[in-house]
PDB file of N, CA and C in Angstrom:
ATOM      1  N   MET A   1      -8.535  23.489  66.371  1.00  0.00           N
ATOM      2  CA  MET A   1      -8.970  22.321  67.073  1.00  0.00           C
ATOM      3  C   MET A   1      -8.670  21.080  66.222  1.00  0.00           C
ATOM      4  N   GLN A   2      -8.088  20.071  66.840  1.00  0.00           N
ATOM      5  CA  GLN A   2      -7.727  18.858  66.117  1.00  0.00           C
ATOM      6  C   GLN A   2      -8.899  17.885  66.096  1.00  0.00           C
ATOM      7  N   ASP A   3      -9.027  17.239  64.939  1.00  0.00           N
ATOM      8  CA  ASP A   3     -10.048  16.201  64.828  1.00  0.00           C
ATOM      9  C   ASP A   3      -9.472  14.889  65.324  1.00  0.00           C
ATOM     10  N   LYS A   4     -10.289  14.118  66.007  1.00  0.00           N
ATOM     11  CA  LYS A   4      -9.862  12.800  66.454  1.00  0.00           C
ATOM     12  C   LYS A   4      -9.898  11.850  65.254  1.00  0.00           C
ATOM     13  N   PRO A   5      -9.006  10.852  65.248  1.00  0.00           N
ATOM     14  CA  PRO A   5      -9.018   9.915  64.122  1.00  0.00           C
ATOM     15  C   PRO A   5     -10.322   9.127  64.084  1.00  0.00           C
ATOM     16  N   SER A   6     -10.717   8.822  62.899  1.00  0.00           N
ATOM     17  CA  SER A   6     -11.960   8.095  62.697  1.00  0.00           C
ATOM     18  C   SER A   6     -11.692   6.594  62.844  1.00  0.00           C
ATOM     19  N   TYR A   7     -11.942   6.038  64.016  1.00  0.00           N
ATOM     20  CA  TYR A   7     -11.673   4.637  64.263  1.00  0.00           C
ATOM     21  C   TYR A   7     -12.524   3.698  63.409  1.00  0.00           C
ATOM     22  N   PRO A   8     -13.807   3.997  63.172  1.00  0.00           N
ATOM     23  CA  PRO A   8     -14.561   3.112  62.286  1.00  0.00           C
ATOM     24  C   PRO A   8     -13.979   3.076  60.865  1.00  0.00           C
ATOM     25  N   LEU A   9     -13.476   4.196  60.378  1.00  0.00           N
ATOM     26  CA  LEU A   9     -12.876   4.225  59.047  1.00  0.00           C
ATOM     27  C   LEU A   9     -11.583   3.415  59.015  1.00  0.00           C
ATOM     28  N   ILE A  10     -10.765   3.541  60.027  1.00  0.00           N
ATOM     29  CA  ILE A  10      -9.519   2.779  60.105  1.00  0.00           C
ATOM     30  C   ILE A  10      -9.828   1.287  60.222  1.00  0.00           C
ATOM     31  N   THR A  11     -10.816   0.942  61.022  1.00  0.00           N
ATOM     32  CA  THR A  11     -11.216  -0.456  61.180  1.00  0.00           C
ATOM     33  C   THR A  11     -11.721  -1.026  59.861  1.00  0.00           C
ATOM     34  N   LEU A  12     -12.498  -0.255  59.137  1.00  0.00           N
ATOM     35  CA  LEU A  12     -13.006  -0.698  57.843  1.00  0.00           C
ATOM     36  C   LEU A  12     -11.864  -0.891  56.847  1.00  0.00           C
ATOM     37  N   LEU A  13     -10.891  -0.003  56.847  1.00  0.00           N
ATOM     38  CA  LEU A  13      -9.738  -0.122  55.965  1.00  0.00           C
ATOM     39  C   LEU A  13      -8.937  -1.385  56.273  1.00  0.00           C
ATOM     40  N   VAL A  14      -8.669  -1.630  57.544  1.00  0.00           N
ATOM     41  CA  VAL A  14      -7.912  -2.821  57.930  1.00  0.00           C
ATOM     42  C   VAL A  14      -8.692  -4.086  57.569  1.00  0.00           C
ATOM     43  N   PHE A  15      -9.988  -4.091  57.813  1.00  0.00           N
ATOM     44  CA  PHE A  15     -10.823  -5.240  57.481  1.00  0.00           C
ATOM     45  C   PHE A  15     -10.832  -5.482  55.966  1.00  0.00           C
ATOM     46  N   THR A  16     -10.906  -4.420  55.177  1.00  0.00           N
ATOM     47  CA  THR A  16     -10.887  -4.551  53.720  1.00  0.00           C
ATOM     48  C   THR A  16      -9.552  -5.122  53.240  1.00  0.00           C
ATOM     49  N   LEU A  17      -8.441  -4.641  53.795  1.00  0.00           N
ATOM     50  CA  LEU A  17      -7.134  -5.172  53.428  1.00  0.00           C
ATOM     51  C   LEU A  17      -6.993  -6.643  53.830  1.00  0.00           C
ATOM     52  N   LEU A  18      -7.547  -7.016  54.964  1.00  0.00           N
ATOM     53  CA  LEU A  18      -7.505  -8.400  55.417  1.00  0.00           C
ATOM     54  C   LEU A  18      -8.284  -9.305  54.458  1.00  0.00           C
ATOM     55  N   ILE A  19      -9.465  -8.879  54.070  1.00  0.00           N
ATOM     56  CA  ILE A  19     -10.272  -9.663  53.130  1.00  0.00           C
ATOM     57  C   ILE A  19      -9.562  -9.780  51.787  1.00  0.00           C
ATOM     58  N   PHE A  20      -8.956  -8.685  51.319  1.00  0.00           N
ATOM     59  CA  PHE A  20      -8.211  -8.721  50.063  1.00  0.00           C
ATOM     60  C   PHE A  20      -7.070  -9.727  50.145  1.00  0.00           C
ATOM     61  N   ARG A  21      -6.339  -9.730  51.246  1.00  0.00           N
ATOM     62  CA  ARG A  21      -5.207 -10.650  51.417  1.00  0.00           C
ATOM     63  C   ARG A  21      -5.682 -12.102  51.463  1.00  0.00           C
ATOM     64  N   ILE A  22      -6.781 -12.354  52.125  1.00  0.00           N
ATOM     65  CA  ILE A  22      -7.324 -13.712  52.186  1.00  0.00           C
ATOM     66  C   ILE A  22      -7.751 -14.179  50.798  1.00  0.00           C
ATOM     67  N   MET A  23      -8.439 -13.321  50.063  1.00  0.00           N
ATOM     68  CA  MET A  23      -8.891 -13.697  48.723  1.00  0.00           C
ATOM     69  C   MET A  23      -7.712 -13.904  47.777  1.00  0.00           C
ATOM     70  N   LEU A  24      -6.674 -13.102  47.902  1.00  0.00           N
ATOM     71  CA  LEU A  24      -5.486 -13.280  47.081  1.00  0.00           C
ATOM     72  C   LEU A  24      -4.843 -14.630  47.359  1.00  0.00           C
ATOM     73  N   GLY A  25      -4.792 -15.028  48.613  1.00  0.00           N
ATOM     74  CA  GLY A  25      -4.247 -16.332  48.970  1.00  0.00           C
ATOM     75  C   GLY A  25      -5.092 -17.482  48.454  1.00  0.00           C
ATOM     76  N   ILE A  26      -6.395 -17.297  48.429  1.00  0.00           N
ATOM     77  CA  ILE A  26      -7.280 -18.345  47.923  1.00  0.00           C
ATOM     78  C   ILE A  26      -7.107 -18.515  46.418  1.00  0.00           C
ATOM     79  N   TRP A  27      -6.928 -17.424  45.695  1.00  0.00           N
ATOM     80  CA  TRP A  27      -6.837 -17.472  44.236  1.00  0.00           C
ATOM     81  C   TRP A  27      -5.473 -17.920  43.728  1.00  0.00           C
ATOM     82  N   THR A  28      -4.454 -17.909  44.574  1.00  0.00           N
ATOM     83  CA  THR A  28      -3.121 -18.277  44.134  1.00  0.00           C
ATOM     84  C   THR A  28      -2.984 -19.794  44.089  1.00  0.00           C
ATOM     85  N   ASN A  29      -2.409 -20.298  43.010  1.00  0.00           N
ATOM     86  CA  ASN A  29      -2.225 -21.729  42.822  1.00  0.00           C
ATOM     87  C   ASN A  29      -0.904 -22.153  43.466  1.00  0.00           C
ATOM     88  N   PHE A  30      -0.980 -22.749  44.651  1.00  0.00           N
ATOM     89  CA  PHE A  30       0.232 -23.205  45.328  1.00  0.00           C
ATOM     90  C   PHE A  30       0.526 -24.674  45.051  1.00  0.00           C
ATOM     91  N   ALA A  31      -0.180 -25.274  44.116  1.00  0.00           N
ATOM     92  CA  ALA A  31       0.045 -26.681  43.797  1.00  0.00           C
ATOM     93  C   ALA A  31       1.151 -26.855  42.770  1.00  0.00           C
ATOM     94  N   HIS A  32       1.701 -25.789  42.262  1.00  0.00           N
ATOM     95  CA  HIS A  32       2.755 -25.878  41.246  1.00  0.00           C
ATOM     96  C   HIS A  32       4.049 -26.349  41.905  1.00  0.00           C
ATOM     97  N   GLU A  33       4.799 -27.184  41.194  1.00  0.00           N
ATOM     98  CA  GLU A  33       6.021 -27.772  41.749  1.00  0.00           C
ATOM     99  C   GLU A  33       7.068 -26.727  42.100  1.00  0.00           C
ATOM    100  N   ASP A  34       7.145 -25.659  41.319  1.00  0.00           N
ATOM    101  CA  ASP A  34       8.148 -24.628  41.600  1.00  0.00           C
ATOM    102  C   ASP A  34       7.895 -23.952  42.935  1.00  0.00           C
ATOM    103  N   TYR A  35       6.633 -23.711  43.283  1.00  0.00           N
ATOM    104  CA  TYR A  35       6.327 -23.086  44.567  1.00  0.00           C
ATOM    105  C   TYR A  35       6.738 -23.986  45.715  1.00  0.00           C
ATOM    106  N   ILE A  36       6.513 -25.279  45.563  1.00  0.00           N
ATOM    107  CA  ILE A  36       6.886 -26.220  46.621  1.00  0.00           C
ATOM    108  C   ILE A  36       8.402 -26.238  46.789  1.00  0.00           C
ATOM    109  N   GLN A  37       9.129 -26.246  45.682  1.00  0.00           N
ATOM    110  CA  GLN A  37      10.586 -26.275  45.764  1.00  0.00           C
ATOM    111  C   GLN A  37      11.130 -24.969  46.350  1.00  0.00           C
ATOM    112  N   ILE A  38      10.548 -23.839  46.007  1.00  0.00           N
ATOM    113  CA  ILE A  38      10.984 -22.567  46.579  1.00  0.00           C
ATOM    114  C   ILE A  38      10.735 -22.545  48.081  1.00  0.00           C
ATOM    115  N   TYR A  39       9.591 -23.071  48.512  1.00  0.00           N
ATOM    116  CA  TYR A  39       9.289 -23.113  49.943  1.00  0.00           C
ATOM    117  C   TYR A  39      10.285 -24.016  50.671  1.00  0.00           C
ATOM    118  N   LEU A  40      10.627 -25.155  50.082  1.00  0.00           N
ATOM    119  CA  LEU A  40      11.592 -26.045  50.708  1.00  0.00           C
ATOM    120  C   LEU A  40      12.986 -25.417  50.760  1.00  0.00           C
ATOM    121  N   LEU A  41      13.361 -24.677  49.719  1.00  0.00           N
ATOM    122  CA  LEU A  41      14.632 -23.952  49.755  1.00  0.00           C
ATOM    123  C   LEU A  41      14.621 -22.897  50.858  1.00  0.00           C
ATOM    124  N   GLY A  42      13.469 -22.249  51.043  1.00  0.00           N
ATOM    125  CA  GLY A  42      13.340 -21.261  52.102  1.00  0.00           C
ATOM    126  C   GLY A  42      13.446 -21.875  53.483  1.00  0.00           C
ATOM    127  N   LEU A  43      12.848 -23.039  53.661  1.00  0.00           N
ATOM    128  CA  LEU A  43      12.975 -23.729  54.950  1.00  0.00           C
ATOM    129  C   LEU A  43      14.413 -24.130  55.221  1.00  0.00           C
ATOM    130  N   GLU A  44      15.102 -24.590  54.181  1.00  0.00           N
ATOM    131  CA  GLU A  44      16.511 -24.943  54.332  1.00  0.00           C
ATOM    132  C   GLU A  44      17.328 -23.721  54.737  1.00  0.00           C
ATOM    133  N   ASN A  45      17.038 -22.590  54.107  1.00  0.00           N
ATOM    134  CA  ASN A  45      17.752 -21.356  54.424  1.00  0.00           C
ATOM    135  C   ASN A  45      17.443 -20.887  55.837  1.00  0.00           C
ATOM    136  N   ALA A  46      16.190 -20.974  56.234  1.00  0.00           N
ATOM    137  CA  ALA A  46      15.790 -20.452  57.539  1.00  0.00           C
ATOM    138  C   ALA A  46      16.326 -21.292  58.689  1.00  0.00           C
ATOM    139  N   TYR A  47      16.294 -22.599  58.555  1.00  0.00           N
ATOM    140  CA  TYR A  47      16.646 -23.459  59.676  1.00  0.00           C
ATOM    141  C   TYR A  47      18.107 -23.877  59.722  1.00  0.00           C
ATOM    142  N   SER A  48      18.774 -23.970  58.583  1.00  0.00           N
ATOM    143  CA  SER A  48      20.171 -24.395  58.601  1.00  0.00           C
ATOM    144  C   SER A  48      21.140 -23.263  58.281  1.00  0.00           C
ATOM    145  N   GLY A  49      20.611 -22.178  57.715  1.00  0.00           N
ATOM    146  CA  GLY A  49      21.468 -21.069  57.359  1.00  0.00           C
ATOM    147  C   GLY A  49      22.183 -21.257  56.036  1.00  0.00           C
ATOM    148  N   LEU A  50      21.930 -22.374  55.347  1.00  0.00           N
ATOM    149  CA  LEU A  50      22.554 -22.610  54.049  1.00  0.00           C
ATOM    150  C   LEU A  50      21.865 -21.782  52.981  1.00  0.00           C
ATOM    151  N   TRP A  51      22.646 -21.321  52.035  1.00  0.00           N
ATOM    152  CA  TRP A  51      22.113 -20.497  50.956  1.00  0.00           C
ATOM    153  C   TRP A  51      22.358 -21.221  49.647  1.00  0.00           C
ATOM    154  N   SER A  52      21.300 -21.718  49.047  1.00  0.00           N
ATOM    155  CA  SER A  52      21.408 -22.481  47.803  1.00  0.00           C
ATOM    156  C   SER A  52      21.806 -21.568  46.655  1.00  0.00           C
ATOM    157  N   TYR A  53      22.548 -22.132  45.732  1.00  0.00           N
ATOM    158  CA  TYR A  53      22.947 -21.385  44.544  1.00  0.00           C
ATOM    159  C   TYR A  53      22.146 -21.797  43.320  1.00  0.00           C
ATOM    160  N   TRP A  54      21.064 -22.525  43.518  1.00  0.00           N
ATOM    161  CA  TRP A  54      20.244 -22.988  42.423  1.00  0.00           C
ATOM    162  C   TRP A  54      18.787 -22.922  42.858  1.00  0.00           C
ATOM    163  N   GLY A  55      17.910 -23.075  41.907  1.00  0.00           N
ATOM    164  CA  GLY A  55      16.493 -23.091  42.208  1.00  0.00           C
ATOM    165  C   GLY A  55      15.685 -23.115  40.937  1.00  0.00           C
ATOM    166  N   PRO A  56      14.403 -23.386  41.033  1.00  0.00           N
ATOM    167  CA  PRO A  56      13.573 -23.458  39.841  1.00  0.00           C
ATOM    168  C   PRO A  56      13.318 -22.076  39.261  1.00  0.00           C
ATOM    169  N   GLU A  57      13.021 -22.058  37.988  1.00  0.00           N
ATOM    170  CA  GLU A  57      12.587 -20.818  37.347  1.00  0.00           C
ATOM    171  C   GLU A  57      11.078 -20.888  37.180  1.00  0.00           C
ATOM    172  N   ILE A  58      10.406 -19.833  37.500  1.00  0.00           N
ATOM    173  CA  ILE A  58       8.959 -19.802  37.363  1.00  0.00           C
ATOM    174  C   ILE A  58       8.665 -19.264  35.976  1.00  0.00           C
ATOM    175  N   VAL A  59       8.350 -20.161  35.059  1.00  0.00           N
ATOM    176  CA  VAL A  59       8.219 -19.790  33.661  1.00  0.00           C
ATOM    177  C   VAL A  59       6.790 -19.410  33.302  1.00  0.00           C
ATOM    178  N   TRP A  60       5.814 -20.152  33.798  1.00  0.00           N
ATOM    179  CA  TRP A  60       4.434 -19.955  33.348  1.00  0.00           C
ATOM    180  C   TRP A  60       3.858 -18.616  33.785  1.00  0.00           C
ATOM    181  N   SER A  61       4.403 -18.003  34.831  1.00  0.00           N
ATOM    182  CA  SER A  61       3.876 -16.716  35.297  1.00  0.00           C
ATOM    183  C   SER A  61       4.645 -15.525  34.728  1.00  0.00           C
ATOM    184  N   GLN A  62       5.554 -15.787  33.781  1.00  0.00           N
ATOM    185  CA  GLN A  62       6.341 -14.731  33.141  1.00  0.00           C
ATOM    186  C   GLN A  62       7.277 -14.019  34.123  1.00  0.00           C
ATOM    187  N   THR A  63       7.640 -14.661  35.217  1.00  0.00           N
ATOM    188  CA  THR A  63       8.568 -14.061  36.176  1.00  0.00           C
ATOM    189  C   THR A  63       9.801 -14.937  36.290  1.00  0.00           C
ATOM    190  N   ARG A  64      10.897 -14.325  36.578  1.00  0.00           N
ATOM    191  CA  ARG A  64      12.146 -15.055  36.769  1.00  0.00           C
ATOM    192  C   ARG A  64      12.830 -14.486  38.008  1.00  0.00           C
ATOM    193  N   LEU A  65      13.360 -15.364  38.806  1.00  0.00           N
ATOM    194  CA  LEU A  65      14.082 -14.973  40.005  1.00  0.00           C
ATOM    195  C   LEU A  65      15.327 -15.840  40.071  1.00  0.00           C
ATOM    196  N   PRO A  66      16.509 -15.239  40.221  1.00  0.00           N
ATOM    197  CA  PRO A  66      17.723 -16.052  40.277  1.00  0.00           C
ATOM    198  C   PRO A  66      17.631 -17.099  41.382  1.00  0.00           C
ATOM    199  N   GLY A  67      18.185 -18.272  41.089  1.00  0.00           N
ATOM    200  CA  GLY A  67      18.100 -19.380  42.034  1.00  0.00           C
ATOM    201  C   GLY A  67      18.638 -19.051  43.416  1.00  0.00           C
ATOM    202  N   ALA A  68      19.682 -18.253  43.487  1.00  0.00           N
ATOM    203  CA  ALA A  68      20.261 -17.927  44.784  1.00  0.00           C
ATOM    204  C   ALA A  68      19.340 -17.049  45.624  1.00  0.00           C
ATOM    205  N   MET A  69      18.421 -16.338  45.002  1.00  0.00           N
ATOM    206  CA  MET A  69      17.525 -15.456  45.745  1.00  0.00           C
ATOM    207  C   MET A  69      16.253 -16.166  46.201  1.00  0.00           C
ATOM    208  N   GLN A  70      15.958 -17.323  45.602  1.00  0.00           N
ATOM    209  CA  GLN A  70      14.698 -17.982  45.912  1.00  0.00           C
ATOM    210  C   GLN A  70      14.656 -18.545  47.317  1.00  0.00           C
ATOM    211  N   GLY A  71      15.800 -18.960  47.836  1.00  0.00           N
ATOM    212  CA  GLY A  71      15.828 -19.421  49.216  1.00  0.00           C
ATOM    213  C   GLY A  71      15.513 -18.302  50.191  1.00  0.00           C
ATOM    214  N   LEU A  72      15.928 -17.098  49.855  1.00  0.00           N
ATOM    215  CA  LEU A  72      15.641 -15.947  50.712  1.00  0.00           C
ATOM    216  C   LEU A  72      14.185 -15.514  50.619  1.00  0.00           C
ATOM    217  N   LEU A  73      13.536 -15.825  49.508  1.00  0.00           N
ATOM    218  CA  LEU A  73      12.150 -15.436  49.307  1.00  0.00           C
ATOM    219  C   LEU A  73      11.258 -15.993  50.414  1.00  0.00           C
ATOM    220  N   ALA A  74      11.475 -17.221  50.809  1.00  0.00           N
ATOM    221  CA  ALA A  74      10.684 -17.823  51.879  1.00  0.00           C
ATOM    222  C   ALA A  74      11.446 -17.864  53.194  1.00  0.00           C
ATOM    223  N   GLY A  75      12.770 -17.933  53.138  1.00  0.00           N
ATOM    224  CA  GLY A  75      13.565 -18.082  54.353  1.00  0.00           C
ATOM    225  C   GLY A  75      13.716 -16.813  55.174  1.00  0.00           C
ATOM    226  N   LEU A  76      13.829 -15.680  54.515  1.00  0.00           N
ATOM    227  CA  LEU A  76      14.021 -14.414  55.229  1.00  0.00           C
ATOM    228  C   LEU A  76      12.825 -14.036  56.103  1.00  0.00           C
ATOM    229  N   PRO A  77      11.587 -14.140  55.601  1.00  0.00           N
ATOM    230  CA  PRO A  77      10.464 -13.844  56.488  1.00  0.00           C
ATOM    231  C   PRO A  77      10.389 -14.786  57.696  1.00  0.00           C
ATOM    232  N   LEU A  78      10.783 -16.043  57.505  1.00  0.00           N
ATOM    233  CA  LEU A  78      10.785 -16.971  58.638  1.00  0.00           C
ATOM    234  C   LEU A  78      11.817 -16.554  59.686  1.00  0.00           C
ATOM    235  N   ARG A  79      12.961 -16.077  59.222  1.00  0.00           N
ATOM    236  CA  ARG A  79      13.981 -15.615  60.168  1.00  0.00           C
ATOM    237  C   ARG A  79      13.580 -14.322  60.867  1.00  0.00           C
ATOM    238  N   VAL A  80      12.993 -13.388  60.108  1.00  0.00           N
ATOM    239  CA  VAL A  80      12.622 -12.081  60.668  1.00  0.00           C
ATOM    240  C   VAL A  80      11.528 -12.232  61.726  1.00  0.00           C
ATOM    241  N   THR A  81      10.569 -13.100  61.479  1.00  0.00           N
ATOM    242  CA  THR A  81       9.470 -13.268  62.429  1.00  0.00           C
ATOM    243  C   THR A  81       9.839 -14.159  63.600  1.00  0.00           C
ATOM    244  N   GLY A  82      11.001 -14.794  63.538  1.00  0.00           N
ATOM    245  CA  GLY A  82      11.423 -15.638  64.641  1.00  0.00           C
ATOM    246  C   GLY A  82      10.834 -17.042  64.579  1.00  0.00           C
ATOM    247  N   SER A  83      10.283 -17.416  63.450  1.00  0.00           N
ATOM    248  CA  SER A  83       9.702 -18.748  63.316  1.00  0.00           C
ATOM    249  C   SER A  83      10.770 -19.824  63.149  1.00  0.00           C
ATOM    250  N   ALA A  84      11.961 -19.410  62.767  1.00  0.00           N
ATOM    251  CA  ALA A  84      13.035 -20.399  62.540  1.00  0.00           C
ATOM    252  C   ALA A  84      13.933 -20.489  63.731  1.00  0.00           C
TER     253      ALA A  84
END
């Protein structure tokens, strides 16, 4: 005999993931100039189709992403979701 899925457990899991995602967004510092420039490069990529060959390096967070990929970081999700 098969057990039916536990809908309250699935609902609780989804709600927990949603709260985690909201809190992660609240704790992230989006006031940094590099984030703004990456977002603008992504908008340029999403709406005009241009692919920049330059971009800022994110130094303070110990991460590096090649400039040509930073436009895709924000632009690709906009294209996939149909927002562009």
